[in-house]
Amino acid sequence: MGKWVFSRSRSVASMFHVHEQRIRYADTDRMGFAYQGILLPVVEAGCRYRRPVRYDEWIRVETGVTTVTRARLTIEYRIVGSEAETRASGLTVHCYMNRNGRAIRISPDWIDFFLGNSKIPFEDNSELFVK
């Protein structure tokens, strides 16, 4: 599916996830342009489109956690086309919510996990959040 790439060139993130896929017909609109719908709650989002991707083209999607605090998580994205050029780049900022939909703060152990410095701190998610 994808692979993790470790990098020391970025100021915060120590690893990025890389995923490559061919654009399928089901991923395109009537004009042949690709789209991806993602259902994630975000508090901020930004994207810079440079060029479209088309049906049957191979692309590489790079994602990485670049900022983690107890209240928010920032993920940066980059889509690279078959000729190694950036087609789009962006970011999303997420807040943490409990099951009731209220914003909360996470444990510092989870910050280390998101930055790739540790394994999952707890076996289950019951202790994911600080009360």
N, C-alpha and C. Protein backbone atom coordinates (compact mmCIF):
# COMPACT_ATOMS: atom_id res chain seq x y z
N MET A 1 0.83 -1.19 0.00
CA MET A 1 0.00 0.00 0.00
C MET A 1 0.87 1.25 0.00
N GLY A 2 1.65 1.42 1.01
CA GLY A 2 2.49 2.60 1.12
C GLY A 2 3.72 2.27 1.92
N LYS A 3 4.55 3.28 2.13
CA LYS A 3 5.76 3.05 2.91
C LYS A 3 6.06 4.31 3.71
N TRP A 4 6.77 4.13 4.81
CA TRP A 4 7.19 5.25 5.64
C TRP A 4 8.59 5.66 5.21
N VAL A 5 8.79 6.95 5.05
CA VAL A 5 10.08 7.49 4.67
C VAL A 5 10.58 8.34 5.82
N PHE A 6 11.76 8.05 6.32
CA PHE A 6 12.33 8.80 7.43
C PHE A 6 13.20 9.92 6.89
N SER A 7 13.07 11.09 7.47
CA SER A 7 13.80 12.25 6.97
C SER A 7 14.21 13.15 8.12
N ARG A 8 15.42 13.63 8.07
CA ARG A 8 15.88 14.60 9.06
C ARG A 8 15.88 16.01 8.47
N SER A 9 15.48 16.16 7.23
CA SER A 9 15.51 17.46 6.57
C SER A 9 14.34 18.34 6.97
N ARG A 10 13.31 17.77 7.55
CA ARG A 10 12.15 18.56 7.97
C ARG A 10 12.33 18.97 9.42
N SER A 11 11.83 20.13 9.78
CA SER A 11 12.07 20.67 11.11
C SER A 11 11.37 19.89 12.21
N VAL A 12 10.16 19.40 11.99
CA VAL A 12 9.42 18.72 13.04
C VAL A 12 9.21 17.25 12.73
N ALA A 13 8.73 16.94 11.56
CA ALA A 13 8.39 15.55 11.23
C ALA A 13 9.65 14.73 11.01
N SER A 14 9.66 13.54 11.59
CA SER A 14 10.80 12.66 11.39
C SER A 14 10.49 11.58 10.37
N MET A 15 9.21 11.44 10.00
CA MET A 15 8.87 10.46 8.98
C MET A 15 7.62 10.89 8.23
N PHE A 16 7.56 10.52 6.96
CA PHE A 16 6.42 10.81 6.11
C PHE A 16 5.94 9.51 5.51
N HIS A 17 4.64 9.43 5.28
CA HIS A 17 4.08 8.25 4.63
C HIS A 17 3.96 8.54 3.14
N VAL A 18 4.37 7.60 2.31
CA VAL A 18 4.30 7.75 0.85
C VAL A 18 3.39 6.66 0.30
N HIS A 19 2.44 7.04 -0.53
CA HIS A 19 1.49 6.10 -1.13
C HIS A 19 1.44 6.39 -2.62
N GLU A 20 1.56 5.36 -3.45
CA GLU A 20 1.46 5.52 -4.90
C GLU A 20 0.24 4.76 -5.40
N GLN A 21 -0.46 5.33 -6.37
CA GLN A 21 -1.61 4.63 -6.94
C GLN A 21 -1.89 5.16 -8.33
N ARG A 22 -2.54 4.34 -9.13
CA ARG A 22 -3.00 4.74 -10.45
C ARG A 22 -4.40 5.34 -10.29
N ILE A 23 -4.67 6.43 -10.99
CA ILE A 23 -5.99 7.04 -10.93
C ILE A 23 -6.96 6.14 -11.67
N ARG A 24 -7.99 5.67 -10.96
CA ARG A 24 -9.00 4.79 -11.55
C ARG A 24 -10.14 5.61 -12.14
N TYR A 25 -10.89 4.99 -13.00
CA TYR A 25 -12.03 5.67 -13.61
C TYR A 25 -13.00 6.16 -12.55
N ALA A 26 -13.22 5.35 -11.51
CA ALA A 26 -14.15 5.72 -10.44
C ALA A 26 -13.68 6.94 -9.65
N ASP A 27 -12.40 7.29 -9.74
CA ASP A 27 -11.85 8.45 -9.03
C ASP A 27 -11.97 9.74 -9.82
N THR A 28 -12.55 9.68 -11.01
CA THR A 28 -12.58 10.86 -11.87
C THR A 28 -14.01 11.38 -12.06
N ASP A 29 -14.08 12.65 -12.43
CA ASP A 29 -15.37 13.24 -12.76
C ASP A 29 -15.60 13.10 -14.27
N ARG A 30 -16.64 13.74 -14.78
CA ARG A 30 -16.98 13.61 -16.20
C ARG A 30 -15.92 14.19 -17.13
N MET A 31 -15.11 15.10 -16.61
CA MET A 31 -14.06 15.71 -17.42
C MET A 31 -12.77 14.88 -17.40
N GLY A 32 -12.76 13.80 -16.61
CA GLY A 32 -11.56 12.96 -16.52
C GLY A 32 -10.57 13.40 -15.47
N PHE A 33 -10.95 14.40 -14.63
CA PHE A 33 -10.07 14.86 -13.57
C PHE A 33 -10.31 14.05 -12.31
N ALA A 34 -9.24 13.80 -11.54
CA ALA A 34 -9.35 12.99 -10.33
C ALA A 34 -9.82 13.83 -9.14
N TYR A 35 -10.53 13.18 -8.25
CA TYR A 35 -10.93 13.80 -6.98
C TYR A 35 -10.85 12.74 -5.91
N GLN A 36 -10.69 13.16 -4.67
CA GLN A 36 -10.69 12.25 -3.53
C GLN A 36 -11.51 12.91 -2.43
N GLY A 37 -12.51 12.23 -1.94
CA GLY A 37 -13.30 12.74 -0.84
C GLY A 37 -12.83 12.10 0.46
N ILE A 38 -12.57 12.91 1.46
CA ILE A 38 -12.11 12.41 2.75
C ILE A 38 -13.04 12.94 3.83
N LEU A 39 -13.50 12.05 4.67
CA LEU A 39 -14.37 12.45 5.76
C LEU A 39 -13.57 12.50 7.05
N LEU A 40 -12.97 13.65 7.35
CA LEU A 40 -12.23 13.88 8.58
C LEU A 40 -12.63 15.23 9.15
N PRO A 41 -12.88 15.30 10.43
CA PRO A 41 -13.18 16.62 11.00
C PRO A 41 -11.91 17.46 11.05
N VAL A 42 -11.97 18.63 10.48
CA VAL A 42 -10.82 19.54 10.48
C VAL A 42 -11.25 20.91 10.97
N VAL A 43 -10.30 21.67 11.53
CA VAL A 43 -10.59 23.03 11.94
C VAL A 43 -9.99 24.05 10.97
N GLU A 44 -9.09 23.57 10.13
CA GLU A 44 -8.48 24.44 9.12
C GLU A 44 -7.97 23.55 7.98
N ALA A 45 -8.07 24.05 6.76
CA ALA A 45 -7.57 23.30 5.61
C ALA A 45 -7.07 24.28 4.55
N GLY A 46 -6.03 23.87 3.86
CA GLY A 46 -5.51 24.69 2.78
C GLY A 46 -4.92 23.81 1.70
N CYS A 47 -5.01 24.28 0.45
CA CYS A 47 -4.48 23.49 -0.66
C CYS A 47 -4.04 24.43 -1.77
N ARG A 48 -2.94 24.08 -2.40
CA ARG A 48 -2.50 24.82 -3.57
C ARG A 48 -2.45 23.84 -4.74
N TYR A 49 -3.34 24.06 -5.70
CA TYR A 49 -3.39 23.20 -6.89
C TYR A 49 -2.46 23.78 -7.95
N ARG A 50 -1.67 22.91 -8.55
CA ARG A 50 -0.75 23.35 -9.59
C ARG A 50 -1.16 22.83 -10.96
N ARG A 51 -1.43 21.51 -11.04
CA ARG A 51 -1.87 20.87 -12.29
C ARG A 51 -2.78 19.71 -11.95
N PRO A 52 -3.72 19.35 -12.82
CA PRO A 52 -4.61 18.22 -12.55
C PRO A 52 -3.91 16.88 -12.75
N VAL A 53 -4.49 15.84 -12.16
CA VAL A 53 -4.09 14.46 -12.46
C VAL A 53 -5.21 13.87 -13.29
N ARG A 54 -4.87 12.92 -14.14
CA ARG A 54 -5.84 12.38 -15.08
C ARG A 54 -5.98 10.88 -14.96
N TYR A 55 -7.03 10.37 -15.57
CA TYR A 55 -7.32 8.94 -15.58
C TYR A 55 -6.10 8.13 -16.02
N ASP A 56 -5.82 7.04 -15.31
CA ASP A 56 -4.78 6.06 -15.59
C ASP A 56 -3.36 6.57 -15.32
N GLU A 57 -3.23 7.74 -14.76
CA GLU A 57 -1.92 8.29 -14.44
C GLU A 57 -1.45 7.74 -13.09
N TRP A 58 -0.15 7.47 -12.95
CA TRP A 58 0.43 7.07 -11.67
C TRP A 58 0.79 8.32 -10.90
N ILE A 59 0.39 8.36 -9.63
CA ILE A 59 0.73 9.48 -8.77
C ILE A 59 1.34 8.95 -7.47
N ARG A 60 2.02 9.83 -6.76
CA ARG A 60 2.53 9.51 -5.43
C ARG A 60 1.95 10.54 -4.47
N VAL A 61 1.36 10.06 -3.38
CA VAL A 61 0.79 10.93 -2.36
C VAL A 61 1.67 10.84 -1.13
N GLU A 62 2.20 11.97 -0.69
CA GLU A 62 3.03 12.03 0.50
C GLU A 62 2.26 12.75 1.59
N THR A 63 2.21 12.17 2.77
CA THR A 63 1.54 12.80 3.91
C THR A 63 2.46 12.72 5.11
N GLY A 64 2.39 13.70 5.96
CA GLY A 64 3.21 13.68 7.15
C GLY A 64 2.67 14.58 8.24
N VAL A 65 2.83 14.14 9.45
CA VAL A 65 2.47 14.95 10.62
C VAL A 65 3.60 15.94 10.82
N THR A 66 3.30 17.24 10.78
CA THR A 66 4.34 18.25 10.89
C THR A 66 4.30 19.03 12.19
N THR A 67 3.14 19.12 12.82
CA THR A 67 3.03 19.81 14.10
C THR A 67 2.06 19.04 14.98
N VAL A 68 2.46 18.84 16.22
CA VAL A 68 1.58 18.17 17.18
C VAL A 68 1.63 18.94 18.49
N THR A 69 0.47 19.33 18.98
CA THR A 69 0.36 19.90 20.32
C THR A 69 -0.69 19.09 21.07
N ARG A 70 -0.92 19.44 22.31
CA ARG A 70 -1.93 18.71 23.08
C ARG A 70 -3.33 19.01 22.56
N ALA A 71 -3.50 20.11 21.81
CA ALA A 71 -4.83 20.49 21.33
C ALA A 71 -5.04 20.27 19.84
N ARG A 72 -3.95 20.24 19.05
CA ARG A 72 -4.10 20.16 17.59
C ARG A 72 -3.02 19.31 16.94
N LEU A 73 -3.34 18.86 15.73
CA LEU A 73 -2.44 18.04 14.92
C LEU A 73 -2.48 18.60 13.50
N THR A 74 -1.31 18.87 12.91
CA THR A 74 -1.24 19.37 11.53
C THR A 74 -0.65 18.29 10.63
N ILE A 75 -1.31 18.03 9.53
CA ILE A 75 -0.84 17.07 8.54
C ILE A 75 -0.62 17.82 7.23
N GLU A 76 0.56 17.61 6.62
CA GLU A 76 0.85 18.22 5.32
C GLU A 76 0.77 17.15 4.24
N TYR A 77 0.36 17.55 3.05
CA TYR A 77 0.13 16.65 1.93
C TYR A 77 0.85 17.16 0.69
N ARG A 78 1.27 16.22 -0.16
CA ARG A 78 1.83 16.59 -1.46
C ARG A 78 1.48 15.50 -2.45
N ILE A 79 0.98 15.87 -3.60
CA ILE A 79 0.69 14.93 -4.68
C ILE A 79 1.72 15.17 -5.77
N VAL A 80 2.43 14.10 -6.14
CA VAL A 80 3.49 14.18 -7.13
C VAL A 80 3.06 13.38 -8.35
N GLY A 81 3.15 13.99 -9.52
CA GLY A 81 2.74 13.33 -10.76
C GLY A 81 3.80 12.38 -11.30
N SER A 82 3.48 11.76 -12.42
CA SER A 82 4.34 10.73 -13.00
C SER A 82 5.68 11.28 -13.50
N GLU A 83 5.78 12.58 -13.69
CA GLU A 83 7.04 13.19 -14.12
C GLU A 83 7.76 13.87 -12.97
N ALA A 84 7.44 13.45 -11.73
CA ALA A 84 8.09 13.93 -10.50
C ALA A 84 7.82 15.40 -10.19
N GLU A 85 6.74 15.96 -10.73
CA GLU A 85 6.42 17.34 -10.43
C GLU A 85 5.27 17.40 -9.42
N THR A 86 5.31 18.40 -8.55
CA THR A 86 4.25 18.57 -7.56
C THR A 86 2.98 19.02 -8.26
N ARG A 87 1.90 18.26 -8.10
CA ARG A 87 0.61 18.62 -8.69
C ARG A 87 -0.23 19.42 -7.71
N ALA A 88 -0.09 19.12 -6.41
CA ALA A 88 -0.84 19.85 -5.39
C ALA A 88 -0.12 19.68 -4.05
N SER A 89 -0.30 20.66 -3.18
CA SER A 89 0.22 20.55 -1.82
C SER A 89 -0.79 21.20 -0.89
N GLY A 90 -0.78 20.77 0.35
CA GLY A 90 -1.74 21.34 1.28
C GLY A 90 -1.51 20.90 2.70
N LEU A 91 -2.43 21.31 3.56
CA LEU A 91 -2.36 20.91 4.95
C LEU A 91 -3.76 20.90 5.54
N THR A 92 -3.92 20.13 6.59
CA THR A 92 -5.14 20.14 7.39
C THR A 92 -4.73 20.23 8.85
N VAL A 93 -5.51 20.99 9.61
CA VAL A 93 -5.30 21.10 11.05
C VAL A 93 -6.49 20.45 11.72
N HIS A 94 -6.22 19.51 12.60
CA HIS A 94 -7.26 18.74 13.28
C HIS A 94 -7.22 19.04 14.77
N CYS A 95 -8.38 19.07 15.38
CA CYS A 95 -8.42 19.13 16.84
C CYS A 95 -8.85 17.76 17.34
N TYR A 96 -8.61 17.49 18.60
CA TYR A 96 -8.99 16.21 19.20
C TYR A 96 -10.35 16.36 19.84
N MET A 97 -11.21 15.36 19.65
CA MET A 97 -12.56 15.41 20.21
C MET A 97 -12.86 14.11 20.93
N ASN A 98 -13.67 14.21 21.97
CA ASN A 98 -14.11 12.99 22.64
C ASN A 98 -15.34 12.45 21.94
N ARG A 99 -15.88 11.38 22.48
CA ARG A 99 -17.05 10.74 21.83
C ARG A 99 -18.28 11.63 21.81
N ASN A 100 -18.30 12.65 22.67
CA ASN A 100 -19.44 13.57 22.70
C ASN A 100 -19.26 14.76 21.78
N GLY A 101 -18.16 14.79 21.02
CA GLY A 101 -17.94 15.88 20.08
C GLY A 101 -17.34 17.13 20.69
N ARG A 102 -16.79 17.02 21.90
CA ARG A 102 -16.19 18.17 22.56
C ARG A 102 -14.68 18.16 22.36
N ALA A 103 -14.12 19.34 22.12
CA ALA A 103 -12.67 19.46 21.96
C ALA A 103 -11.98 19.17 23.29
N ILE A 104 -10.89 18.40 23.23
CA ILE A 104 -10.14 18.04 24.43
C ILE A 104 -8.65 18.08 24.15
N ARG A 105 -7.84 17.90 25.18
CA ARG A 105 -6.38 17.83 25.06
C ARG A 105 -5.93 16.38 25.21
N ILE A 106 -4.88 16.01 24.47
CA ILE A 106 -4.38 14.64 24.54
C ILE A 106 -3.21 14.55 25.52
N SER A 107 -2.89 13.33 25.89
CA SER A 107 -1.75 13.03 26.76
C SER A 107 -0.45 13.35 26.03
N PRO A 108 0.58 13.85 26.73
CA PRO A 108 1.89 14.09 26.09
C PRO A 108 2.49 12.82 25.47
N ASP A 109 2.14 11.64 26.00
CA ASP A 109 2.64 10.39 25.41
C ASP A 109 2.18 10.24 23.97
N TRP A 110 0.98 10.72 23.65
CA TRP A 110 0.47 10.61 22.29
C TRP A 110 1.19 11.58 21.35
N ILE A 111 1.68 12.70 21.87
CA ILE A 111 2.46 13.61 21.03
C ILE A 111 3.72 12.90 20.54
N ASP A 112 4.40 12.19 21.45
CA ASP A 112 5.59 11.42 21.05
C ASP A 112 5.23 10.37 20.00
N PHE A 113 4.09 9.73 20.16
CA PHE A 113 3.67 8.72 19.19
C PHE A 113 3.44 9.34 17.82
N PHE A 114 2.71 10.46 17.75
CA PHE A 114 2.42 11.11 16.47
C PHE A 114 3.70 11.59 15.78
N LEU A 115 4.71 11.95 16.54
CA LEU A 115 5.98 12.40 15.97
C LEU A 115 6.92 11.25 15.65
N GLY A 116 6.46 10.01 15.87
CA GLY A 116 7.26 8.84 15.53
C GLY A 116 8.33 8.51 16.54
N ASN A 117 8.21 9.05 17.76
CA ASN A 117 9.23 8.82 18.78
C ASN A 117 8.92 7.67 19.72
N SER A 118 7.75 7.06 19.58
CA SER A 118 7.40 5.97 20.48
C SER A 118 6.35 5.09 19.84
N LYS A 119 6.11 3.95 20.46
CA LYS A 119 5.02 3.07 20.05
C LYS A 119 3.73 3.59 20.65
N ILE A 120 2.60 2.98 20.28
CA ILE A 120 1.32 3.39 20.84
C ILE A 120 1.41 3.31 22.36
N PRO A 121 1.13 4.41 23.06
CA PRO A 121 1.32 4.43 24.51
C PRO A 121 0.43 3.46 25.29
N PHE A 122 -0.75 3.16 24.78
CA PHE A 122 -1.68 2.32 25.53
C PHE A 122 -2.23 1.23 24.63
N GLU A 123 -2.52 0.09 25.18
CA GLU A 123 -3.06 -1.03 24.40
C GLU A 123 -4.44 -0.73 23.85
N ASP A 124 -5.26 -0.04 24.61
CA ASP A 124 -6.58 0.35 24.12
C ASP A 124 -6.64 1.87 24.11
N ASN A 125 -7.67 2.42 23.53
CA ASN A 125 -7.78 3.87 23.43
C ASN A 125 -8.46 4.51 24.62
N SER A 126 -8.74 3.74 25.67
CA SER A 126 -9.46 4.30 26.81
C SER A 126 -8.67 5.39 27.51
N GLU A 127 -7.33 5.33 27.42
CA GLU A 127 -6.51 6.34 28.08
C GLU A 127 -5.90 7.32 27.08
N LEU A 128 -6.49 7.39 25.90
CA LEU A 128 -5.97 8.28 24.86
C LEU A 128 -5.97 9.73 25.30
N PHE A 129 -6.99 10.13 25.99
CA PHE A 129 -7.16 11.53 26.32
C PHE A 129 -6.96 11.78 27.80
N VAL A 130 -6.44 12.95 28.12
CA VAL A 130 -6.30 13.37 29.51
C VAL A 130 -7.63 13.90 29.97
N LYS A 131 -8.04 13.53 31.13
CA LYS A 131 -9.34 13.98 31.64
C LYS A 131 -9.24 15.40 32.15
